[in-house]
Protein backbone atom coordinates (compact mmCIF):
# COMPACT_ATOMS: atom_id res chain seq x y z
CA UNK A 1 -54.25 35.59 3.16
CA UNK A 2 -51.10 35.96 1.13
CA UNK A 3 -51.04 37.62 -2.27
CA UNK A 4 -50.08 35.38 -5.19
CA UNK A 5 -46.67 35.88 -6.75
CA UNK A 6 -46.54 38.03 -9.93
CA UNK A 7 -46.88 36.04 -13.07
CA UNK A 8 -43.95 37.86 -14.72
CA UNK A 9 -41.38 36.54 -12.23
CA UNK A 10 -40.12 33.05 -13.15
CA UNK A 11 -40.10 30.28 -10.61
CA UNK A 12 -36.58 29.58 -9.21
CA UNK A 13 -35.36 26.27 -10.62
CA UNK A 14 -34.97 23.39 -8.22
CA UNK A 15 -31.36 22.45 -7.49
CA UNK A 16 -30.15 19.41 -9.35
CA UNK A 17 -28.19 16.57 -7.84
CA UNK A 18 -24.52 17.33 -7.81
CA UNK A 19 -25.22 21.07 -8.37
CA UNK A 20 -24.61 24.05 -6.07
CA UNK A 21 -26.03 23.40 -2.58
CA UNK A 22 -28.56 25.74 -0.99
CA UNK A 23 -26.18 26.54 1.90
CA UNK A 24 -24.11 28.86 -0.28
CA UNK A 25 -27.08 31.27 -0.47
CA UNK A 26 -26.25 32.34 3.07
CA UNK A 27 -23.00 33.98 1.91
CA UNK A 28 -24.17 35.18 -1.52
CA UNK A 29 -24.42 38.92 -2.09
CA UNK A 30 -27.61 38.63 -4.17
CA UNK A 31 -29.56 36.36 -6.50
CA UNK A 32 -29.71 37.09 -10.22
CA UNK A 33 -32.44 35.17 -12.09
CA UNK A 34 -32.43 32.58 -9.34
CA UNK A 35 -28.64 32.11 -9.34
CA UNK A 36 -26.49 33.23 -6.34
CA UNK A 37 -24.14 36.17 -6.91
CA UNK A 38 -20.91 35.92 -4.91
CA UNK A 39 -18.97 38.96 -6.24
CA UNK A 40 -19.86 42.47 -7.35
CA UNK A 41 -19.83 42.74 -11.17
CA UNK A 42 -17.13 45.00 -12.53
CA UNK A 43 -19.49 46.57 -15.10
CA UNK A 44 -22.19 47.49 -12.59
CA UNK A 45 -24.04 50.66 -13.64
CA UNK A 46 -25.11 53.01 -10.85
CA UNK A 47 -28.16 55.18 -11.73
CA UNK A 48 -27.73 58.93 -11.17
CA UNK A 49 -30.45 59.01 -8.51
CA UNK A 50 -28.63 56.36 -6.49
CA UNK A 51 -25.27 58.12 -6.66
CA UNK A 52 -24.73 60.50 -3.74
CA UNK A 53 -21.38 62.28 -3.62
CA UNK A 54 -20.17 64.78 -1.04
CA UNK A 55 -18.22 67.78 -2.27
CA UNK A 56 -15.70 67.54 0.54
CA UNK A 57 -14.40 64.28 -1.00
CA UNK A 58 -13.19 65.99 -4.21
CA UNK A 59 -10.60 68.61 -4.95
CA UNK A 60 -12.22 70.08 -8.05
CA UNK A 61 -14.26 69.36 -11.19
CA UNK A 62 -11.60 67.13 -12.74
CA UNK A 63 -11.46 65.07 -9.56
CA UNK A 64 -15.23 64.55 -9.59
CA UNK A 65 -15.28 63.74 -13.30
CA UNK A 66 -12.43 61.24 -12.92
CA UNK A 67 -14.27 59.65 -10.00
CA UNK A 68 -17.44 59.17 -12.06
CA UNK A 69 -15.47 57.58 -14.92
CA UNK A 70 -13.36 55.25 -12.76
CA UNK A 71 -16.30 54.32 -10.51
CA UNK A 72 -18.28 52.91 -13.45
CA UNK A 73 -15.25 51.41 -15.23
CA UNK A 74 -15.66 53.61 -18.29
CA UNK A 75 -12.85 53.75 -20.83
CA UNK A 76 -11.29 57.17 -20.36
CA UNK A 77 -10.36 57.23 -24.06
CA UNK A 78 -14.01 56.60 -25.05
CA UNK A 79 -16.11 58.45 -22.49
CA UNK A 80 -19.93 58.01 -22.83
CA UNK A 81 -20.67 61.73 -22.63
CA UNK A 82 -24.44 61.38 -22.22
CA UNK A 83 -24.30 59.28 -19.04
CA UNK A 84 -21.35 61.08 -17.48
CA UNK A 85 -22.82 64.53 -18.23
CA UNK A 86 -26.17 63.50 -16.73
CA UNK A 87 -24.58 62.33 -13.49
CA UNK A 88 -22.28 65.33 -13.33
CA UNK A 89 -25.16 67.80 -13.79
CA UNK A 90 -27.14 66.02 -11.08
CA UNK A 91 -24.24 66.51 -8.70
CA UNK A 92 -23.82 70.17 -9.68
CA UNK A 93 -27.52 70.83 -9.07
CA UNK A 94 -27.08 69.31 -5.63
CA UNK A 95 -24.20 71.55 -4.62
CA UNK A 96 -25.80 74.68 -6.12
CA UNK A 97 -28.50 74.47 -3.47
CA UNK A 98 -25.89 74.28 -0.71
CA UNK A 99 -22.89 76.37 -1.76
CA UNK A 100 -23.30 78.55 -4.83
CA UNK A 101 -19.77 80.04 -4.61
CA UNK A 102 -18.16 76.60 -4.49
CA UNK A 103 -20.26 75.42 -7.45
CA UNK A 104 -18.91 78.09 -9.84
CA UNK A 105 -15.92 76.10 -11.10
CA UNK A 106 -18.09 72.99 -11.32
CA UNK A 107 -20.58 74.89 -13.50
CA UNK A 108 -17.75 75.80 -15.86
CA UNK A 109 -16.89 72.12 -16.32
CA UNK A 110 -20.60 71.34 -16.79
CA UNK A 111 -20.77 73.86 -19.63
CA UNK A 112 -17.72 72.21 -21.21
CA UNK A 113 -19.36 68.76 -20.98
CA UNK A 114 -22.59 70.03 -22.57
CA UNK A 115 -20.58 71.63 -25.38
CA UNK A 116 -18.72 68.36 -26.05
CA UNK A 117 -21.98 66.44 -25.99
CA UNK A 118 -23.56 68.89 -28.45
CA UNK A 119 -20.58 68.71 -30.83
CA UNK A 120 -20.76 64.92 -30.81
CA UNK A 121 -24.43 65.07 -31.90
CA UNK A 122 -23.55 67.10 -34.98
CA UNK A 123 -22.29 65.32 -38.09
CA UNK A 124 -18.50 65.47 -38.36
CA UNK A 125 -16.99 67.84 -40.89
CA UNK A 126 -13.84 66.92 -42.70
CA UNK A 127 -11.07 69.45 -43.00
CA UNK A 128 -9.93 71.00 -46.27
CA UNK A 129 -7.04 68.54 -46.42
CA UNK A 130 -9.45 65.64 -46.16
CA UNK A 131 -8.27 64.62 -42.68
CA UNK A 132 -10.60 63.19 -40.09
CA UNK A 133 -11.86 65.81 -37.60
CA UNK A 134 -10.51 65.69 -34.07
CA UNK A 135 -12.63 63.99 -31.46
CA UNK A 136 -14.40 66.67 -29.34
CA UNK A 137 -13.44 64.66 -26.24
CA UNK A 138 -9.71 64.75 -26.99
CA UNK A 139 -8.93 67.88 -24.94
CA UNK A 140 -10.98 66.63 -21.99
CA UNK A 141 -9.26 63.23 -22.10
CA UNK A 142 -5.83 64.89 -22.18
CA UNK A 143 -6.67 66.99 -19.11
CA UNK A 144 -8.06 63.98 -17.26
CA UNK A 145 -4.97 61.86 -17.98
CA UNK A 146 -2.62 64.62 -16.87
CA UNK A 147 -4.65 65.20 -13.72
CA UNK A 148 -4.65 61.47 -12.90
CA UNK A 149 -0.86 61.29 -13.34
CA UNK A 150 -0.33 64.26 -11.04
CA UNK A 151 -2.74 62.80 -8.48
CA UNK A 152 -0.90 59.46 -8.46
CA UNK A 153 2.47 61.24 -8.19
CA UNK A 154 1.15 63.29 -5.25
CA UNK A 155 -0.06 60.11 -3.56
CA UNK A 156 3.40 58.52 -3.94
CA UNK A 157 5.03 61.64 -2.51
CA UNK A 158 2.61 61.59 0.39
CA UNK A 159 3.64 58.02 1.19
CA UNK A 160 7.27 59.10 1.64
CA UNK A 161 8.35 59.87 5.22
CA UNK A 162 7.81 63.53 6.08
CA UNK A 163 9.51 65.57 8.73
CA UNK A 164 7.06 66.42 11.49
CA UNK A 165 4.57 63.71 10.46
CA UNK A 166 6.50 60.44 10.28
CA UNK A 167 9.97 61.39 11.52
CA UNK A 168 11.24 64.03 13.88
CA UNK A 169 14.60 65.75 14.12
CA UNK A 170 16.52 64.83 17.25
CA UNK A 171 17.52 67.79 19.39
CA UNK A 172 19.85 67.83 22.36
CA UNK A 173 20.22 70.91 24.53
CA UNK A 174 23.54 71.24 26.36
CA UNK A 175 23.75 74.01 28.88
CA UNK A 176 27.11 75.74 28.81
CA UNK A 177 28.07 78.49 31.18
CA UNK A 178 29.78 81.57 29.80
CA UNK A 179 32.65 81.33 32.30
CA UNK A 180 34.53 78.07 32.94
CA UNK A 181 33.98 76.61 36.38
CA UNK A 182 37.02 74.83 37.78
CA UNK A 183 36.76 72.41 40.67
CA UNK A 184 38.09 73.57 44.00
CA UNK A 185 41.57 72.46 45.01
CA UNK A 186 41.40 70.37 48.17
CA UNK A 187 44.06 69.78 50.77
CA UNK A 188 44.91 66.30 49.52
CA UNK A 189 45.86 67.64 46.09
CA UNK A 190 48.15 70.26 47.65
CA UNK A 191 49.78 67.59 49.83
CA UNK A 192 50.40 65.33 46.87
CA UNK A 193 51.87 68.19 44.83
CA UNK A 194 54.10 69.17 47.76
CA UNK A 195 55.33 65.59 48.26
CA UNK A 196 56.22 65.40 44.59
CA UNK A 197 58.29 68.60 44.90
CA UNK A 198 60.03 67.26 48.01
CA UNK A 199 60.90 64.01 46.26
CA UNK A 200 62.53 65.88 43.40
CA UNK A 201 64.31 68.21 45.81
CA UNK A 202 65.96 65.26 47.51
CA UNK A 203 67.56 64.34 44.24
CA UNK A 204 69.58 67.56 44.41
CA UNK A 205 71.38 67.74 47.78
CA UNK A 206 74.29 69.94 48.84
CA UNK A 207 76.81 68.99 51.51
CA UNK A 208 77.60 72.60 52.32
CA UNK A 209 75.94 73.62 55.53
CA UNK A 210 75.19 77.29 55.85
CA UNK A 211 72.87 79.35 57.95
CA UNK A 212 70.64 81.58 55.94
CA UNK A 213 68.02 84.03 57.08
CA UNK A 214 64.90 83.50 54.95
CA UNK A 215 61.95 85.87 54.97
CA UNK A 216 58.44 84.69 54.13
CA UNK A 217 57.41 88.22 53.12
CA UNK A 218 60.30 88.44 50.74
CA UNK A 219 59.38 85.17 49.07
CA UNK A 220 55.74 86.32 48.89
CA UNK A 221 56.98 89.26 46.85
CA UNK A 222 59.05 86.89 44.69
CA UNK A 223 55.95 84.79 43.97
CA UNK A 224 53.86 87.87 43.14
CA UNK A 225 56.55 89.13 40.75
CA UNK A 226 56.66 85.72 39.08
CA UNK A 227 52.91 85.93 38.48
CA UNK A 228 52.90 89.50 37.15
CA UNK A 229 51.84 89.73 33.51
CA UNK A 230 51.05 86.02 33.22
CA UNK A 231 47.65 84.41 33.19
CA UNK A 232 48.55 81.14 34.84
CA UNK A 233 51.74 79.65 36.25
CA UNK A 234 52.06 76.00 37.04
CA UNK A 235 52.41 75.38 40.76
CA UNK A 236 55.71 73.53 40.37
CA UNK A 237 57.33 76.38 38.41
CA UNK A 238 57.25 78.61 41.53
CA UNK A 239 59.85 76.41 43.21
CA UNK A 240 63.56 76.09 42.45
CA UNK A 241 64.83 72.73 43.77
CA UNK A 242 68.45 73.78 43.19
CA UNK A 243 68.27 76.30 46.08
CA UNK A 244 67.74 73.60 48.68
CA UNK A 245 65.04 72.45 51.01
CA UNK A 246 64.85 75.61 53.24
CA UNK A 247 64.05 77.82 50.27
CA UNK A 248 61.41 75.36 49.06
CA UNK A 249 59.75 75.33 52.47
CA UNK A 250 59.73 79.11 52.77
CA UNK A 251 58.37 79.47 49.21
CA UNK A 252 55.61 76.99 49.99
CA UNK A 253 54.69 78.92 53.15
CA UNK A 254 54.70 82.12 51.08
CA UNK A 255 52.24 80.55 48.60
CA UNK A 256 49.96 79.49 51.45
CA UNK A 257 50.06 82.99 52.97
CA UNK A 258 49.21 84.58 49.61
CA UNK A 259 46.29 82.19 49.19
CA UNK A 260 45.15 82.92 52.74
CA UNK A 261 45.19 86.66 52.06
CA UNK A 262 43.29 86.08 48.76
CA UNK A 263 46.08 87.58 46.70
CA UNK A 264 46.40 84.49 44.48
CA UNK A 265 44.01 81.78 43.19
CA UNK A 266 44.81 78.08 42.98
CA UNK A 267 42.85 76.28 40.25
CA UNK A 268 42.73 72.78 38.87
CA UNK A 269 40.83 71.69 35.73
CA UNK A 270 39.97 68.21 37.04
CA UNK A 271 41.03 65.63 39.58
CA UNK A 272 44.75 64.74 39.46
CA UNK A 273 45.33 67.47 36.89
CA UNK A 274 48.15 70.02 37.24
CA UNK A 275 47.58 72.87 39.70
CA UNK A 276 47.83 76.41 38.36
CA UNK A 277 48.41 79.65 40.23
CA UNK A 278 47.32 83.10 39.14
CA UNK A 279 46.87 86.53 40.61
CA UNK A 280 43.49 87.06 42.21
CA UNK A 281 43.23 90.47 40.58
CA UNK A 282 44.16 90.94 36.93
CA UNK A 283 44.35 94.59 35.89
CA UNK A 284 42.51 95.50 32.66
């Protein structure tokens, strides 16, 4: 047996021809006096018992108070102190049972709200100059407006790209040795340098034929003296094409002997670059 419907509730009117079809009830949020409701009303009032707020969602008393005002679409310049204070005190009582230390600053704001509410209940007193008294809510409204402006400015700053969150600084590590490392001089480079010297020596030829005793040791000493006190000497500067081919050959053999005995170093910065000669031991 089903209980009869309460007499206080009106019967839903039957849909008229050409009116709203019954199918739309499937997507309606609710029915208000028998009519479907398709959107949440902007002036919806939330009772204090139905409002549950977590402290972790707010950054302080002003943040909570601004949330209560904006949530219920109250005019911030005309705050209904009774309703807002009631909801605020209900929230403070909730957090006092959980975290008394965190509720201290919220209790201070609650005392300020109660004071404003009490002053609004008293009859206004005009000043000696006959001016209208200041609204007790004026200081609270000023603080709320300033806090909201700072909160919006902080949100805009947070949307800007931040180093370490949205962008990262590019870093490239290049390993550099303390001492330069030159590539080794191979035989082909020495042959090419020698052929170049021979080609230039042929441009200077003498028709006088003489027999000359040439000493490799002597020319080794000449090369060492030419390198004394100098960091590097270009390979071609050790040869004098004007003295003829025999001297060039003996000087070249002297350079090879010095390199064989590790008395000189032959270095080259890169492929096909000039060849430099230096003493293997440089005194301090």
